[in-house]
Amino acid sequence: MPIYSTTFFIFTSTARQAKEIMIKEAEDILVHKEISPTAMRLLVLRFLLNQASAISLTELEKGLGPSDRVTIYRVLKKFEEKGLVHSIDDGSGAPKYALCAEDCVAGHHHDLHVHFFCNACRETSCLPKSKIPQVTLPEGFASEEVNLMVKGTCSKCIA
């Protein structure tokens, strides 16, 4: 069973039990990625697990309520360093953050997929089934990063 899945609906007899299971799942994810499960890291991860699209530091800060912006930023950077999240430059002026594929590891992300920016709702989404094609570079060139952003209108806004 994957360490984190795409569906997080937990049916238990009480809301407290569901919350305890979510905390335990978040702790397991952090431990699997060799990240110490502090209260803020658990809070940030649980918030990210419930997002349908990539979010900015500002959106995360607003969603968490009164929290220290610098601490949240450091948590995101630690998550990125350990292969738990990846940052996306969608041209909006602020990087967005989304959970990585499970096989991403510290220092090497396997998230070579297309990202989509909706011009209507301004949301950025990962399209993991749409892989970035291999690009052959001329001799003497060395690739360090590949990013493919498609801009248009998402299915929610078209409907």
Protein backbone atom coordinates (compact mmCIF):
# COMPACT_ATOMS: atom_id res chain seq x y z
CA MET A 1 0.00 0.00 0.00
CA PRO A 2 1.39 3.46 -0.87
CA ILE A 3 2.60 5.60 2.02
CA TYR A 4 0.16 8.29 0.87
CA SER A 5 -2.76 7.89 -1.42
CA THR A 6 -4.91 10.21 -3.50
CA THR A 7 -8.03 9.74 -1.37
CA PHE A 8 -8.10 10.72 2.26
CA PHE A 9 -11.66 10.00 3.32
CA ILE A 10 -11.55 8.00 6.52
CA PHE A 11 -14.77 6.56 7.80
CA THR A 12 -14.66 6.14 11.55
CA SER A 13 -17.20 6.35 14.32
CA THR A 14 -16.00 9.73 15.61
CA ALA A 15 -14.34 12.83 14.23
CA ARG A 16 -11.62 12.49 16.88
CA GLN A 17 -10.68 9.03 15.62
CA ALA A 18 -10.51 10.32 12.05
CA LYS A 19 -8.25 13.18 13.17
CA GLU A 20 -5.97 10.76 15.04
CA ILE A 21 -5.70 8.55 11.94
CA MET A 22 -4.85 11.58 9.75
CA ILE A 23 -2.15 12.62 12.24
CA LYS A 24 -0.73 9.08 12.29
CA GLU A 25 -0.75 8.93 8.46
CA ALA A 26 1.02 12.31 8.28
CA GLU A 27 3.59 11.15 10.87
CA ASP A 28 4.24 7.99 8.83
CA ILE A 29 4.79 10.03 5.66
CA LEU A 30 7.27 12.34 7.41
CA VAL A 31 9.17 9.46 9.01
CA HIS A 32 9.30 7.66 5.63
CA LYS A 33 10.93 10.78 4.14
CA GLU A 34 13.31 11.08 7.13
CA ILE A 35 11.71 14.29 8.39
CA SER A 36 11.17 14.80 12.11
CA PRO A 37 7.39 15.11 12.70
CA THR A 38 7.10 18.44 14.52
CA ALA A 39 3.71 20.02 15.17
CA MET A 40 4.13 22.61 12.37
CA ARG A 41 5.35 20.02 9.85
CA LEU A 42 2.35 17.83 10.62
CA LEU A 43 0.02 20.81 10.27
CA VAL A 44 1.51 21.83 6.90
CA LEU A 45 1.51 18.27 5.55
CA ARG A 46 -2.08 17.62 6.59
CA PHE A 47 -3.10 20.87 4.85
CA LEU A 48 -1.23 19.90 1.66
CA LEU A 49 -2.78 16.43 1.67
CA ASN A 50 -6.21 18.04 1.40
CA GLN A 51 -5.38 20.31 -1.56
CA ALA A 52 -6.67 19.61 -5.05
CA SER A 53 -4.13 21.96 -6.66
CA ALA A 54 -0.74 23.50 -5.95
CA ILE A 55 -0.74 26.38 -3.47
CA SER A 56 1.46 29.35 -2.70
CA LEU A 57 3.08 30.19 0.62
CA THR A 58 0.50 32.98 1.06
CA GLU A 59 -2.42 30.58 0.44
CA LEU A 60 -0.92 28.09 2.88
CA GLU A 61 -0.42 30.80 5.48
CA LYS A 62 -4.05 31.94 5.12
CA GLY A 63 -5.31 28.35 5.31
CA LEU A 64 -3.39 27.56 8.47
CA GLY A 65 -4.52 30.66 10.30
CA PRO A 66 -2.18 32.53 12.60
CA SER A 67 1.22 30.99 11.89
CA ASP A 68 4.72 32.34 11.41
CA ARG A 69 5.37 32.83 7.67
CA VAL A 70 9.11 32.15 8.01
CA THR A 71 8.46 28.86 9.82
CA ILE A 72 5.99 27.74 7.13
CA TYR A 73 8.54 28.67 4.44
CA ARG A 74 11.24 26.64 6.21
CA VAL A 75 8.88 23.65 6.45
CA LEU A 76 8.19 23.86 2.70
CA LYS A 77 11.91 24.09 1.93
CA LYS A 78 12.62 21.05 4.14
CA PHE A 79 9.81 19.13 2.42
CA GLU A 80 11.23 20.09 -0.98
CA GLU A 81 14.77 19.12 0.05
CA LYS A 82 13.55 15.69 1.23
CA GLY A 83 11.45 14.97 -1.88
CA LEU A 84 8.03 15.43 -0.30
CA VAL A 85 6.92 18.51 -2.27
CA HIS A 86 8.01 20.21 -5.46
CA SER A 87 7.80 23.88 -6.30
CA ILE A 88 6.22 25.14 -9.50
CA ASP A 89 6.92 28.43 -11.24
CA ASP A 90 3.60 29.16 -12.97
CA GLY A 91 4.45 32.73 -13.93
CA SER A 92 2.21 34.23 -11.23
CA GLY A 93 5.17 35.69 -9.35
CA ALA A 94 4.98 33.30 -6.39
CA PRO A 95 6.09 29.67 -6.42
CA LYS A 96 3.38 27.10 -5.83
CA TYR A 97 3.90 23.87 -3.90
CA ALA A 98 2.41 20.43 -4.48
CA LEU A 99 3.05 16.97 -3.07
CA CYS A 100 5.57 14.90 -5.01
CA ALA A 101 5.14 11.46 -6.44
CA GLU A 102 5.90 8.81 -3.86
CA ASP A 103 9.17 7.79 -5.53
CA CYS A 104 10.77 11.25 -5.24
CA VAL A 105 13.77 11.24 -2.95
CA ALA A 106 15.96 13.83 -1.29
CA GLY A 107 17.79 15.84 -3.91
CA HIS A 108 16.15 14.11 -6.89
CA HIS A 109 12.56 14.74 -7.91
CA HIS A 110 10.85 12.38 -10.34
CA ASP A 111 8.01 14.81 -11.00
CA LEU A 112 8.76 15.28 -14.68
CA HIS A 113 5.15 15.97 -15.52
CA VAL A 114 3.28 18.86 -17.10
CA HIS A 115 1.72 21.57 -14.95
CA PHE A 116 -1.43 23.45 -15.93
CA PHE A 117 -2.25 27.05 -14.98
CA CYS A 118 -5.88 28.12 -15.37
CA ASN A 119 -6.15 31.72 -16.55
CA ALA A 120 -9.71 31.93 -15.19
CA CYS A 121 -9.45 30.63 -11.60
CA ARG A 122 -5.65 31.08 -11.32
CA GLU A 123 -5.15 27.53 -9.98
CA THR A 124 -2.07 25.48 -10.84
CA SER A 125 -2.49 21.73 -11.20
CA CYS A 126 -0.09 18.84 -11.63
CA LEU A 127 -0.86 16.60 -14.60
CA PRO A 128 1.10 13.48 -13.61
CA LYS A 129 -0.17 11.41 -16.55
CA SER A 130 1.22 14.00 -19.00
CA LYS A 131 4.98 13.47 -18.94
CA ILE A 132 7.49 16.03 -20.14
CA PRO A 133 9.08 14.71 -23.35
CA GLN A 134 12.81 14.00 -23.45
CA VAL A 135 14.68 16.95 -24.93
CA THR A 136 17.94 16.32 -26.78
CA LEU A 137 20.37 19.17 -26.20
CA PRO A 138 23.25 20.15 -28.47
CA GLU A 139 26.76 19.12 -27.47
CA GLY A 140 28.16 21.35 -24.74
CA PHE A 141 24.78 21.99 -23.11
CA ALA A 142 23.82 20.46 -19.73
CA SER A 143 20.24 20.35 -18.47
CA GLU A 144 19.66 21.25 -14.82
CA GLU A 145 15.91 21.63 -14.70
CA VAL A 146 12.94 20.99 -16.98
CA ASN A 147 9.60 22.72 -16.51
CA LEU A 148 6.60 22.59 -18.82
CA MET A 149 3.65 24.84 -18.00
CA VAL A 150 0.47 24.76 -20.06
CA LYS A 151 -1.83 27.76 -19.65
CA GLY A 152 -5.51 27.83 -20.53
CA THR A 153 -8.87 27.11 -18.92
CA CYS A 154 -9.39 24.16 -16.57
CA SER A 155 -12.33 21.76 -16.73
CA LYS A 156 -14.02 23.39 -13.71
CA CYS A 157 -14.01 26.81 -15.37
CA ILE A 158 -15.09 25.54 -18.78
CA ALA A 159 -18.18 23.84 -17.28
